[in-house]
Full PDB file with SEQRES, HELIX, SHEET, SSBOND, CRYST1, ORIGX, SCALE, CONECT and MASTER records, all heavy atoms in Angstrom:
SEQRES   1 A   41  ASN ASN VAL TYR ARG GLU LEU LEU SER LYS ALA ALA ASP          
SEQRES   2 A   41  GLN PRO GLU ALA VAL ALA LYS ILE LYS ALA ALA GLU LYS          
SEQRES   3 A   41  ALA TRP ILE ALA TYR ARG ASP ALA TYR MET ASP ALA MET          
SEQRES   4 A   41  TYR PRO                                                      
HELIX    1 AA1 ASN A    2  LYS A   10  1                                   9    
HELIX    2 AA2 PRO A   15  MET A   39  1                                  25    
CRYST1    1.000    1.000    1.000  90.00  90.00  90.00 P 1           1          
ORIGX1      1.000000  0.000000  0.000000        0.00000                         
ORIGX2      0.000000  1.000000  0.000000        0.00000                         
ORIGX3      0.000000  0.000000  1.000000        0.00000                         
SCALE1      1.000000  0.000000  0.000000        0.00000                         
SCALE2      0.000000  1.000000  0.000000        0.00000                         
SCALE3      0.000000  0.000000  1.000000        0.00000                         
ATOM      1  N   ASN A   1      -9.383   2.473   0.540  1.00  0.00           N  
ATOM      2  CA  ASN A   1      -8.900   3.854   0.568  1.00  0.00           C  
ATOM      3  C   ASN A   1      -9.149   4.379   1.982  1.00  0.00           C  
ATOM      4  O   ASN A   1      -8.212   5.225   2.513  1.00  0.00           O  
ATOM      5  CB  ASN A   1      -9.495   4.709  -0.459  1.00  0.00           C  
ATOM      6  CG  ASN A   1      -8.965   4.375  -1.907  1.00  0.00           C  
ATOM      7  OD1 ASN A   1      -7.862   3.793  -2.040  1.00  0.00           O  
ATOM      8  ND2 ASN A   1      -9.757   4.579  -2.858  1.00  0.00           N  
ATOM      9  N   ASN A   2     -10.294   4.118   2.508  1.00  0.00           N  
ATOM     10  CA  ASN A   2     -10.675   4.639   3.873  1.00  0.00           C  
ATOM     11  C   ASN A   2      -9.682   4.095   4.939  1.00  0.00           C  
ATOM     12  O   ASN A   2      -9.202   4.838   5.786  1.00  0.00           O  
ATOM     13  CB  ASN A   2     -11.965   4.319   4.175  1.00  0.00           C  
ATOM     14  CG  ASN A   2     -13.067   5.199   3.486  1.00  0.00           C  
ATOM     15  OD1 ASN A   2     -12.702   6.193   2.889  1.00  0.00           O  
ATOM     16  ND2 ASN A   2     -14.227   4.660   3.266  1.00  0.00           N  
ATOM     17  N   VAL A   3      -9.362   2.764   4.916  1.00  0.00           N  
ATOM     18  CA  VAL A   3      -8.524   2.156   5.916  1.00  0.00           C  
ATOM     19  C   VAL A   3      -7.145   2.651   5.657  1.00  0.00           C  
ATOM     20  O   VAL A   3      -6.440   2.915   6.696  1.00  0.00           O  
ATOM     21  CB  VAL A   3      -8.590   0.586   5.787  1.00  0.00           C  
ATOM     22  CG1 VAL A   3      -7.591  -0.075   6.687  1.00  0.00           C  
ATOM     23  CG2 VAL A   3      -9.997   0.051   6.188  1.00  0.00           C  
ATOM     24  N   TYR A   4      -6.676   2.737   4.402  1.00  0.00           N  
ATOM     25  CA  TYR A   4      -5.300   3.275   4.143  1.00  0.00           C  
ATOM     26  C   TYR A   4      -5.203   4.712   4.710  1.00  0.00           C  
ATOM     27  O   TYR A   4      -4.124   4.963   5.332  1.00  0.00           O  
ATOM     28  CB  TYR A   4      -5.046   3.184   2.744  1.00  0.00           C  
ATOM     29  CG  TYR A   4      -3.719   3.680   2.178  1.00  0.00           C  
ATOM     30  CD1 TYR A   4      -2.633   3.064   2.504  1.00  0.00           C  
ATOM     31  CD2 TYR A   4      -3.674   4.799   1.443  1.00  0.00           C  
ATOM     32  CE1 TYR A   4      -1.316   3.471   2.143  1.00  0.00           C  
ATOM     33  CE2 TYR A   4      -2.384   5.300   0.969  1.00  0.00           C  
ATOM     34  CZ  TYR A   4      -1.242   4.580   1.367  1.00  0.00           C  
ATOM     35  OH  TYR A   4      -0.026   4.982   0.973  1.00  0.00           O  
ATOM     36  N   ARG A   5      -6.117   5.589   4.466  1.00  0.00           N  
ATOM     37  CA  ARG A   5      -6.040   6.968   4.983  1.00  0.00           C  
ATOM     38  C   ARG A   5      -5.987   6.960   6.469  1.00  0.00           C  
ATOM     39  O   ARG A   5      -5.291   7.732   7.041  1.00  0.00           O  
ATOM     40  CB  ARG A   5      -7.161   7.803   4.415  1.00  0.00           C  
ATOM     41  CG  ARG A   5      -6.927   8.386   3.070  1.00  0.00           C  
ATOM     42  CD  ARG A   5      -8.014   9.374   2.586  1.00  0.00           C  
ATOM     43  NE  ARG A   5      -9.310   8.915   2.540  1.00  0.00           N  
ATOM     44  CZ  ARG A   5      -9.820   8.390   1.457  1.00  0.00           C  
ATOM     45  NH1 ARG A   5      -9.132   8.225   0.347  1.00  0.00           N  
ATOM     46  NH2 ARG A   5     -11.080   7.933   1.303  1.00  0.00           N  
ATOM     47  N   GLU A   6      -6.838   6.177   7.054  1.00  0.00           N  
ATOM     48  CA  GLU A   6      -6.878   6.077   8.485  1.00  0.00           C  
ATOM     49  C   GLU A   6      -5.539   5.576   9.068  1.00  0.00           C  
ATOM     50  O   GLU A   6      -5.057   6.107  10.109  1.00  0.00           O  
ATOM     51  CB  GLU A   6      -7.995   5.125   8.987  1.00  0.00           C  
ATOM     52  CG  GLU A   6      -8.109   5.057  10.636  1.00  0.00           C  
ATOM     53  CD  GLU A   6      -9.269   4.240  11.038  1.00  0.00           C  
ATOM     54  OE1 GLU A   6      -9.957   3.669  10.198  1.00  0.00           O  
ATOM     55  OE2 GLU A   6      -9.412   4.140  12.314  1.00  0.00           O  
ATOM     56  N   LEU A   7      -4.984   4.553   8.442  1.00  0.00           N  
ATOM     57  CA  LEU A   7      -3.707   4.094   8.822  1.00  0.00           C  
ATOM     58  C   LEU A   7      -2.573   5.121   8.786  1.00  0.00           C  
ATOM     59  O   LEU A   7      -1.755   5.311   9.684  1.00  0.00           O  
ATOM     60  CB  LEU A   7      -3.273   2.902   7.944  1.00  0.00           C  
ATOM     61  CG  LEU A   7      -1.925   2.100   8.278  1.00  0.00           C  
ATOM     62  CD1 LEU A   7      -1.807   1.651   9.661  1.00  0.00           C  
ATOM     63  CD2 LEU A   7      -1.716   0.988   7.240  1.00  0.00           C  
ATOM     64  N   LEU A   8      -2.505   5.845   7.670  1.00  0.00           N  
ATOM     65  CA  LEU A   8      -1.499   6.935   7.489  1.00  0.00           C  
ATOM     66  C   LEU A   8      -1.716   8.094   8.563  1.00  0.00           C  
ATOM     67  O   LEU A   8      -0.714   8.600   9.055  1.00  0.00           O  
ATOM     68  CB  LEU A   8      -1.616   7.579   6.092  1.00  0.00           C  
ATOM     69  CG  LEU A   8      -1.159   6.668   4.897  1.00  0.00           C  
ATOM     70  CD1 LEU A   8      -1.353   7.375   3.494  1.00  0.00           C  
ATOM     71  CD2 LEU A   8       0.372   6.288   5.181  1.00  0.00           C  
ATOM     72  N   SER A   9      -3.023   8.318   8.919  1.00  0.00           N  
ATOM     73  CA  SER A   9      -3.266   9.353   9.832  1.00  0.00           C  
ATOM     74  C   SER A   9      -2.834   8.820  11.254  1.00  0.00           C  
ATOM     75  O   SER A   9      -2.172   9.679  11.970  1.00  0.00           O  
ATOM     76  CB  SER A   9      -4.900   9.532   9.877  1.00  0.00           C  
ATOM     77  OG  SER A   9      -5.119  10.403  10.857  1.00  0.00           O  
ATOM     78  N   LYS A  10      -2.988   7.670  11.584  1.00  0.00           N  
ATOM     79  CA  LYS A  10      -2.687   7.157  12.834  1.00  0.00           C  
ATOM     80  C   LYS A  10      -1.148   7.041  13.016  1.00  0.00           C  
ATOM     81  O   LYS A  10      -0.591   7.222  14.103  1.00  0.00           O  
ATOM     82  CB  LYS A  10      -3.230   5.787  13.075  1.00  0.00           C  
ATOM     83  CG  LYS A  10      -4.645   5.721  13.255  1.00  0.00           C  
ATOM     84  CD  LYS A  10      -5.179   6.114  14.612  1.00  0.00           C  
ATOM     85  CE  LYS A  10      -6.704   5.950  14.595  1.00  0.00           C  
ATOM     86  NZ  LYS A  10      -7.253   6.036  15.931  1.00  0.00           N  
ATOM     87  N   ALA A  11      -0.446   6.818  11.793  1.00  0.00           N  
ATOM     88  CA  ALA A  11       1.007   6.701  11.902  1.00  0.00           C  
ATOM     89  C   ALA A  11       1.774   8.006  11.612  1.00  0.00           C  
ATOM     90  O   ALA A  11       2.871   8.101  11.491  1.00  0.00           O  
ATOM     91  CB  ALA A  11       1.483   5.562  10.891  1.00  0.00           C  
ATOM     92  N   ALA A  12       1.015   9.060  11.455  1.00  0.00           N  
ATOM     93  CA  ALA A  12       1.541  10.318  10.902  1.00  0.00           C  
ATOM     94  C   ALA A  12       2.731  10.853  11.779  1.00  0.00           C  
ATOM     95  O   ALA A  12       3.576  11.532  11.315  1.00  0.00           O  
ATOM     96  CB  ALA A  12       0.466  11.386  10.838  1.00  0.00           C  
ATOM     97  N   ASP A  13       2.748  10.630  13.088  1.00  0.00           N  
ATOM     98  CA  ASP A  13       3.827  11.096  13.902  1.00  0.00           C  
ATOM     99  C   ASP A  13       5.092  10.205  13.839  1.00  0.00           C  
ATOM    100  O   ASP A  13       6.093  10.489  14.530  1.00  0.00           O  
ATOM    101  CB  ASP A  13       3.285  11.135  15.387  1.00  0.00           C  
ATOM    102  CG  ASP A  13       2.856   9.865  15.989  1.00  0.00           C  
ATOM    103  OD1 ASP A  13       2.666   8.872  15.248  1.00  0.00           O  
ATOM    104  OD2 ASP A  13       2.889   9.807  17.251  1.00  0.00           O  
ATOM    105  N   GLN A  14       5.030   9.190  12.974  1.00  0.00           N  
ATOM    106  CA  GLN A  14       6.228   8.398  12.714  1.00  0.00           C  
ATOM    107  C   GLN A  14       6.522   8.250  11.266  1.00  0.00           C  
ATOM    108  O   GLN A  14       6.091   7.347  10.526  1.00  0.00           O  
ATOM    109  CB  GLN A  14       5.864   6.837  13.219  1.00  0.00           C  
ATOM    110  CG  GLN A  14       5.460   6.842  14.694  1.00  0.00           C  
ATOM    111  CD  GLN A  14       5.061   5.436  15.049  1.00  0.00           C  
ATOM    112  OE1 GLN A  14       5.736   4.437  14.713  1.00  0.00           O  
ATOM    113  NE2 GLN A  14       3.997   5.283  15.833  1.00  0.00           N  
ATOM    114  N   PRO A  15       7.410   9.216  10.898  1.00  0.00           N  
ATOM    115  CA  PRO A  15       7.620   9.305   9.330  1.00  0.00           C  
ATOM    116  C   PRO A  15       8.156   8.068   8.759  1.00  0.00           C  
ATOM    117  O   PRO A  15       7.852   7.741   7.606  1.00  0.00           O  
ATOM    118  CB  PRO A  15       8.709  10.496   9.299  1.00  0.00           C  
ATOM    119  CG  PRO A  15       8.483  11.176  10.606  1.00  0.00           C  
ATOM    120  CD  PRO A  15       7.991  10.300  11.564  1.00  0.00           C  
ATOM    121  N   GLU A  16       9.035   7.366   9.428  1.00  0.00           N  
ATOM    122  CA  GLU A  16       9.588   6.045   8.904  1.00  0.00           C  
ATOM    123  C   GLU A  16       8.513   5.068   8.608  1.00  0.00           C  
ATOM    124  O   GLU A  16       8.452   4.314   7.622  1.00  0.00           O  
ATOM    125  CB  GLU A  16      10.730   5.531   9.766  1.00  0.00           C  
ATOM    126  CG  GLU A  16      11.990   6.319   9.760  1.00  0.00           C  
ATOM    127  CD  GLU A  16      13.044   5.624  10.585  1.00  0.00           C  
ATOM    128  OE1 GLU A  16      13.005   4.423  10.768  1.00  0.00           O  
ATOM    129  OE2 GLU A  16      13.947   6.367  11.017  1.00  0.00           O  
ATOM    130  N   ALA A  17       7.492   5.054   9.576  1.00  0.00           N  
ATOM    131  CA  ALA A  17       6.412   4.092   9.422  1.00  0.00           C  
ATOM    132  C   ALA A  17       5.515   4.508   8.277  1.00  0.00           C  
ATOM    133  O   ALA A  17       5.097   3.607   7.512  1.00  0.00           O  
ATOM    134  CB  ALA A  17       5.540   4.073  10.769  1.00  0.00           C  
ATOM    135  N   VAL A  18       5.196   5.775   8.108  1.00  0.00           N  
ATOM    136  CA  VAL A  18       4.478   6.368   6.990  1.00  0.00           C  
ATOM    137  C   VAL A  18       5.113   5.851   5.695  1.00  0.00           C  
ATOM    138  O   VAL A  18       4.467   5.344   4.768  1.00  0.00           O  
ATOM    139  CB  VAL A  18       4.228   7.722   7.048  1.00  0.00           C  
ATOM    140  CG1 VAL A  18       3.597   8.324   5.719  1.00  0.00           C  
ATOM    141  CG2 VAL A  18       3.285   8.108   8.210  1.00  0.00           C  
ATOM    142  N   ALA A  19       6.363   6.093   5.513  1.00  0.00           N  
ATOM    143  CA  ALA A  19       7.187   5.740   4.312  1.00  0.00           C  
ATOM    144  C   ALA A  19       7.066   4.294   4.072  1.00  0.00           C  
ATOM    145  O   ALA A  19       6.865   3.859   2.898  1.00  0.00           O  
ATOM    146  CB  ALA A  19       8.620   6.180   4.477  1.00  0.00           C  
ATOM    147  N   LYS A  20       7.133   3.493   5.132  1.00  0.00           N  
ATOM    148  CA  LYS A  20       7.043   2.000   4.832  1.00  0.00           C  
ATOM    149  C   LYS A  20       5.681   1.481   4.543  1.00  0.00           C  
ATOM    150  O   LYS A  20       5.462   0.575   3.673  1.00  0.00           O  
ATOM    151  CB  LYS A  20       7.618   1.239   6.125  1.00  0.00           C  
ATOM    152  CG  LYS A  20       9.171   1.477   6.339  1.00  0.00           C  
ATOM    153  CD  LYS A  20       9.682   0.732   7.511  1.00  0.00           C  
ATOM    154  CE  LYS A  20      11.130   1.013   7.551  1.00  0.00           C  
ATOM    155  NZ  LYS A  20      11.851   0.355   8.657  1.00  0.00           N  
ATOM    156  N   ILE A  21       4.696   2.080   5.218  1.00  0.00           N  
ATOM    157  CA  ILE A  21       3.349   1.774   4.771  1.00  0.00           C  
ATOM    158  C   ILE A  21       3.130   2.275   3.237  1.00  0.00           C  
ATOM    159  O   ILE A  21       2.495   1.366   2.572  1.00  0.00           O  
ATOM    160  CB  ILE A  21       2.364   2.591   5.651  1.00  0.00           C  
ATOM    161  CG1 ILE A  21       2.453   2.017   7.044  1.00  0.00           C  
ATOM    162  CG2 ILE A  21       0.881   2.471   5.191  1.00  0.00           C  
ATOM    163  CD1 ILE A  21       1.741   2.868   8.150  1.00  0.00           C  
ATOM    164  N   LYS A  22       3.531   3.333   2.876  1.00  0.00           N  
ATOM    165  CA  LYS A  22       3.283   3.751   1.482  1.00  0.00           C  
ATOM    166  C   LYS A  22       4.021   2.807   0.544  1.00  0.00           C  
ATOM    167  O   LYS A  22       3.608   2.484  -0.552  1.00  0.00           O  
ATOM    168  CB  LYS A  22       3.779   5.236   1.252  1.00  0.00           C  
ATOM    169  CG  LYS A  22       2.800   6.241   1.900  1.00  0.00           C  
ATOM    170  CD  LYS A  22       3.318   7.609   1.736  1.00  0.00           C  
ATOM    171  CE  LYS A  22       2.414   8.584   2.266  1.00  0.00           C  
ATOM    172  NZ  LYS A  22       2.845  10.024   2.018  1.00  0.00           N  
ATOM    173  N   ALA A  23       5.288   2.381   0.884  1.00  0.00           N  
ATOM    174  CA  ALA A  23       6.019   1.528   0.108  1.00  0.00           C  
ATOM    175  C   ALA A  23       5.308   0.131  -0.058  1.00  0.00           C  
ATOM    176  O   ALA A  23       5.223  -0.495  -1.104  1.00  0.00           O  
ATOM    177  CB  ALA A  23       7.430   1.287   0.613  1.00  0.00           C  
ATOM    178  N   ALA A  24       4.815  -0.282   1.074  1.00  0.00           N  
ATOM    179  CA  ALA A  24       4.061  -1.565   1.121  1.00  0.00           C  
ATOM    180  C   ALA A  24       2.866  -1.459   0.239  1.00  0.00           C  
ATOM    181  O   ALA A  24       2.481  -2.492  -0.589  1.00  0.00           O  
ATOM    182  CB  ALA A  24       3.648  -2.001   2.485  1.00  0.00           C  
ATOM    183  N   GLU A  25       2.064  -0.431   0.276  1.00  0.00           N  
ATOM    184  CA  GLU A  25       0.916  -0.304  -0.468  1.00  0.00           C  
ATOM    185  C   GLU A  25       1.234  -0.238  -2.000  1.00  0.00           C  
ATOM    186  O   GLU A  25       0.577  -0.831  -2.921  1.00  0.00           O  
ATOM    187  CB  GLU A  25       0.084   0.973  -0.100  1.00  0.00           C  
ATOM    188  CG  GLU A  25      -1.309   1.088  -0.658  1.00  0.00           C  
ATOM    189  CD  GLU A  25      -2.208  -0.074  -0.172  1.00  0.00           C  
ATOM    190  OE1 GLU A  25      -1.907  -0.862   0.744  1.00  0.00           O  
ATOM    191  OE2 GLU A  25      -3.317  -0.104  -0.744  1.00  0.00           O  
ATOM    192  N   LYS A  26       2.325   0.514  -2.319  1.00  0.00           N  
ATOM    193  CA  LYS A  26       2.731   0.559  -3.687  1.00  0.00           C  
ATOM    194  C   LYS A  26       3.117  -0.803  -4.223  1.00  0.00           C  
ATOM    195  O   LYS A  26       2.757  -1.157  -5.359  1.00  0.00           O  
ATOM    196  CB  LYS A  26       3.928   1.570  -3.838  1.00  0.00           C  
ATOM    197  CG  LYS A  26       4.359   1.820  -5.282  1.00  0.00           C  
ATOM    198  CD  LYS A  26       5.544   2.791  -5.311  1.00  0.00           C  
ATOM    199  CE  LYS A  26       5.957   2.911  -6.690  1.00  0.00           C  
ATOM    200  NZ  LYS A  26       6.998   4.010  -6.769  1.00  0.00           N  
ATOM    201  N   ALA A  27       3.857  -1.617  -3.420  1.00  0.00           N  
ATOM    202  CA  ALA A  27       4.187  -2.989  -3.719  1.00  0.00           C  
ATOM    203  C   ALA A  27       2.973  -3.870  -3.911  1.00  0.00           C  
ATOM    204  O   ALA A  27       2.919  -4.707  -4.857  1.00  0.00           O  
ATOM    205  CB  ALA A  27       5.163  -3.567  -2.777  1.00  0.00           C  
ATOM    206  N   TRP A  28       1.889  -3.659  -3.032  1.00  0.00           N  
ATOM    207  CA  TRP A  28       0.727  -4.447  -3.075  1.00  0.00           C  
ATOM    208  C   TRP A  28       0.005  -4.098  -4.497  1.00  0.00           C  
ATOM    209  O   TRP A  28      -0.484  -5.044  -5.121  1.00  0.00           O  
ATOM    210  CB  TRP A  28      -0.185  -4.145  -1.979  1.00  0.00           C  
ATOM    211  CG  TRP A  28      -1.463  -4.865  -2.187  1.00  0.00           C  
ATOM    212  CD1 TRP A  28      -1.703  -6.205  -1.991  1.00  0.00           C  
ATOM    213  CD2 TRP A  28      -2.619  -4.317  -2.712  1.00  0.00           C  
ATOM    214  NE1 TRP A  28      -2.941  -6.573  -2.465  1.00  0.00           N  
ATOM    215  CE2 TRP A  28      -3.633  -5.523  -2.815  1.00  0.00           C  
ATOM    216  CE3 TRP A  28      -3.070  -3.073  -3.049  1.00  0.00           C  
ATOM    217  CZ2 TRP A  28      -4.943  -5.309  -3.317  1.00  0.00           C  
ATOM    218  CZ3 TRP A  28      -4.312  -3.000  -3.640  1.00  0.00           C  
ATOM    219  CH2 TRP A  28      -5.322  -4.011  -3.670  1.00  0.00           C  
ATOM    220  N   ILE A  29      -0.025  -2.931  -4.833  1.00  0.00           N  
ATOM    221  CA  ILE A  29      -0.716  -2.546  -6.198  1.00  0.00           C  
ATOM    222  C   ILE A  29       0.043  -3.203  -7.268  1.00  0.00           C  
ATOM    223  O   ILE A  29      -0.534  -3.720  -8.185  1.00  0.00           O  
ATOM    224  CB  ILE A  29      -0.647  -0.956  -6.341  1.00  0.00           C  
ATOM    225  CG1 ILE A  29      -1.699  -0.358  -5.290  1.00  0.00           C  
ATOM    226  CG2 ILE A  29      -1.150  -0.598  -7.702  1.00  0.00           C  
ATOM    227  CD1 ILE A  29      -1.648   1.107  -5.173  1.00  0.00           C  
ATOM    228  N   ALA A  30       1.337  -3.156  -7.282  1.00  0.00           N  
ATOM    229  CA  ALA A  30       2.100  -3.944  -8.322  1.00  0.00           C  
ATOM    230  C   ALA A  30       1.872  -5.360  -8.308  1.00  0.00           C  
ATOM    231  O   ALA A  30       1.602  -6.042  -9.460  1.00  0.00           O  
ATOM    232  CB  ALA A  30       3.644  -3.704  -8.135  1.00  0.00           C  
ATOM    233  N   TYR A  31       1.737  -6.022  -7.143  1.00  0.00           N  
ATOM    234  CA  TYR A  31       1.331  -7.399  -7.040  1.00  0.00           C  
ATOM    235  C   TYR A  31      -0.010  -7.642  -7.519  1.00  0.00           C  
ATOM    236  O   TYR A  31      -0.189  -8.627  -8.289  1.00  0.00           O  
ATOM    237  CB  TYR A  31       1.565  -7.838  -5.501  1.00  0.00           C  
ATOM    238  CG  TYR A  31       0.749  -9.136  -5.327  1.00  0.00           C  
ATOM    239  CD1 TYR A  31       1.347 -10.269  -5.617  1.00  0.00           C  
ATOM    240  CD2 TYR A  31      -0.397  -9.163  -4.704  1.00  0.00           C  
ATOM    241  CE1 TYR A  31       0.747 -11.580  -5.362  1.00  0.00           C  
ATOM    242  CE2 TYR A  31      -1.164 -10.419  -4.608  1.00  0.00           C  
ATOM    243  CZ  TYR A  31      -0.533 -11.535  -4.870  1.00  0.00           C  
ATOM    244  OH  TYR A  31      -1.182 -12.705  -4.631  1.00  0.00           O  
ATOM    245  N   ARG A  32      -0.964  -6.913  -7.135  1.00  0.00           N  
ATOM    246  CA  ARG A  32      -2.290  -7.136  -7.606  1.00  0.00           C  
ATOM    247  C   ARG A  32      -2.422  -6.999  -9.073  1.00  0.00           C  
ATOM    248  O   ARG A  32      -3.056  -7.964  -9.755  1.00  0.00           O  
ATOM    249  CB  ARG A  32      -3.275  -5.972  -6.954  1.00  0.00           C  
ATOM    250  CG  ARG A  32      -4.699  -6.001  -7.451  1.00  0.00           C  
ATOM    251  CD  ARG A  32      -5.378  -4.720  -7.317  1.00  0.00           C  
ATOM    252  NE  ARG A  32      -4.803  -3.744  -8.216  1.00  0.00           N  
ATOM    253  CZ  ARG A  32      -4.929  -2.411  -8.021  1.00  0.00           C  
ATOM    254  NH1 ARG A  32      -5.679  -1.919  -6.983  1.00  0.00           N  
ATOM    255  NH2 ARG A  32      -4.288  -1.638  -8.822  1.00  0.00           N  
ATOM    256  N   ASP A  33      -1.776  -6.081  -9.641  1.00  0.00           N  
ATOM    257  CA  ASP A  33      -1.780  -5.926 -11.163  1.00  0.00           C  
ATOM    258  C   ASP A  33      -1.101  -7.039 -11.848  1.00  0.00           C  
ATOM    259  O   ASP A  33      -1.622  -7.589 -12.869  1.00  0.00           O  
ATOM    260  CB  ASP A  33      -1.275  -4.643 -11.577  1.00  0.00           C  
ATOM    261  CG  ASP A  33      -2.069  -3.422 -11.128  1.00  0.00           C  
ATOM    262  OD1 ASP A  33      -3.205  -3.650 -10.704  1.00  0.00           O  
ATOM    263  OD2 ASP A  33      -1.568  -2.224 -11.229  1.00  0.00           O  
ATOM    264  N   ALA A  34       0.001  -7.521 -11.287  1.00  0.00           N  
ATOM    265  CA  ALA A  34       0.661  -8.696 -11.859  1.00  0.00           C  
ATOM    266  C   ALA A  34       0.000  -9.897 -11.738  1.00  0.00           C  
ATOM    267  O   ALA A  34      -0.063 -10.717 -12.613  1.00  0.00           O  
ATOM    268  CB  ALA A  34       2.117  -8.759 -11.242  1.00  0.00           C  
ATOM    269  N   TYR A  35      -0.766 -10.028 -10.631  1.00  0.00           N  
ATOM    270  CA  TYR A  35      -1.472 -11.339 -10.339  1.00  0.00           C  
ATOM    271  C   TYR A  35      -2.670 -11.341 -11.276  1.00  0.00           C  
ATOM    272  O   TYR A  35      -2.925 -12.407 -11.910  1.00  0.00           O  
ATOM    273  CB  TYR A  35      -2.057 -11.288  -8.867  1.00  0.00           C  
ATOM    274  CG  TYR A  35      -2.737 -12.534  -8.489  1.00  0.00           C  
ATOM    275  CD1 TYR A  35      -2.044 -13.632  -7.870  1.00  0.00           C  
ATOM    276  CD2 TYR A  35      -4.069 -12.719  -8.709  1.00  0.00           C  
ATOM    277  CE1 TYR A  35      -2.744 -14.756  -7.454  1.00  0.00           C  
ATOM    278  CE2 TYR A  35      -4.794 -13.901  -8.378  1.00  0.00           C  
ATOM    279  CZ  TYR A  35      -4.052 -14.846  -7.746  1.00  0.00           C  
ATOM    280  OH  TYR A  35      -4.744 -16.065  -7.385  1.00  0.00           O  
ATOM    281  N   MET A  36      -3.365 -10.261 -11.515  1.00  0.00           N  
ATOM    282  CA  MET A  36      -4.419 -10.282 -12.491  1.00  0.00           C  
ATOM    283  C   MET A  36      -3.869 -10.426 -13.884  1.00  0.00           C  
ATOM    284  O   MET A  36      -4.517 -11.145 -14.654  1.00  0.00           O  
ATOM    285  CB  MET A  36      -5.068  -8.873 -12.280  1.00  0.00           C  
ATOM    286  CG  MET A  36      -5.871  -8.713 -11.083  1.00  0.00           C  
ATOM    287  SD  MET A  36      -7.014  -7.363 -10.968  1.00  0.00           S  
ATOM    288  CE  MET A  36      -8.194  -7.829 -12.132  1.00  0.00           C  
ATOM    289  N   ASP A  37      -2.741  -9.936 -14.204  1.00  0.00           N  
ATOM    290  CA  ASP A  37      -2.115 -10.219 -15.533  1.00  0.00           C  
ATOM    291  C   ASP A  37      -1.794 -11.725 -15.709  1.00  0.00           C  
ATOM    292  O   ASP A  37      -1.986 -12.356 -16.828  1.00  0.00           O  
ATOM    293  CB  ASP A  37      -0.948  -9.382 -15.847  1.00  0.00           C  
ATOM    294  CG  ASP A  37      -1.248  -7.959 -16.129  1.00  0.00           C  
ATOM    295  OD1 ASP A  37      -2.452  -7.655 -16.548  1.00  0.00           O  
ATOM    296  OD2 ASP A  37      -0.352  -7.108 -16.010  1.00  0.00           O  
ATOM    297  N   ALA A  38      -1.325 -12.293 -14.674  1.00  0.00           N  
ATOM    298  CA  ALA A  38      -1.068 -13.738 -14.652  1.00  0.00           C  
ATOM    299  C   ALA A  38      -2.425 -14.589 -14.824  1.00  0.00           C  
ATOM    300  O   ALA A  38      -2.357 -15.654 -15.482  1.00  0.00           O  
ATOM    301  CB  ALA A  38      -0.227 -14.212 -13.372  1.00  0.00           C  
ATOM    302  N   MET A  39      -3.401 -14.211 -14.110  1.00  0.00           N  
ATOM    303  CA  MET A  39      -4.604 -14.951 -14.250  1.00  0.00           C  
ATOM    304  C   MET A  39      -5.298 -14.803 -15.569  1.00  0.00           C  
ATOM    305  O   MET A  39      -5.929 -15.679 -16.143  1.00  0.00           O  
ATOM    306  CB  MET A  39      -5.672 -14.365 -13.191  1.00  0.00           C  
ATOM    307  CG  MET A  39      -5.328 -14.850 -11.747  1.00  0.00           C  
ATOM    308  SD  MET A  39      -5.527 -16.655 -11.549  1.00  0.00           S  
ATOM    309  CE  MET A  39      -7.420 -16.834 -11.641  1.00  0.00           C  
ATOM    310  N   TYR A  40      -5.098 -13.683 -16.281  1.00  0.00           N  
ATOM    311  CA  TYR A  40      -5.725 -13.343 -17.586  1.00  0.00           C  
ATOM    312  C   TYR A  40      -4.540 -12.790 -18.495  1.00  0.00           C  
ATOM    313  O   TYR A  40      -4.521 -11.706 -18.780  1.00  0.00           O  
ATOM    314  CB  TYR A  40      -6.832 -12.344 -17.411  1.00  0.00           C  
ATOM    315  CG  TYR A  40      -7.915 -12.848 -16.591  1.00  0.00           C  
ATOM    316  CD1 TYR A  40      -8.039 -12.368 -15.206  1.00  0.00           C  
ATOM    317  CD2 TYR A  40      -8.860 -13.702 -16.953  1.00  0.00           C  
ATOM    318  CE1 TYR A  40      -9.153 -12.819 -14.421  1.00  0.00           C  
ATOM    319  CE2 TYR A  40      -9.842 -14.198 -16.159  1.00  0.00           C  
ATOM    320  CZ  TYR A  40      -9.940 -13.754 -14.851  1.00  0.00           C  
ATOM    321  OH  TYR A  40     -10.922 -14.169 -14.040  1.00  0.00           O  
ATOM    322  N   PRO A  41      -3.691 -13.754 -18.917  1.00  0.00           N  
ATOM    323  CA  PRO A  41      -2.633 -13.359 -19.649  1.00  0.00           C  
ATOM    324  C   PRO A  41      -2.780 -13.015 -21.224  1.00  0.00           C  
ATOM    325  O   PRO A  41      -1.946 -12.414 -21.832  1.00  0.00           O  
ATOM    326  CB  PRO A  41      -1.610 -14.556 -19.646  1.00  0.00           C  
ATOM    327  CG  PRO A  41      -2.516 -15.734 -19.520  1.00  0.00           C  
ATOM    328  CD  PRO A  41      -3.695 -15.213 -18.696  1.00  0.00           C  
TER     329      PRO A  41                                                      
MASTER        0    0    0    2    0    0    0    6  328    1    0    4          
END                                                                             
């Protein structure tokens, strides 16, 4: 969470970058959850 907030802060002047960072993080959360479900089905 700290690194993510810092990243968003550093990219704040680039709205497209912020949107892509947020999309990537949302996709990673979905991946993490799906991976864990696959490991423990």
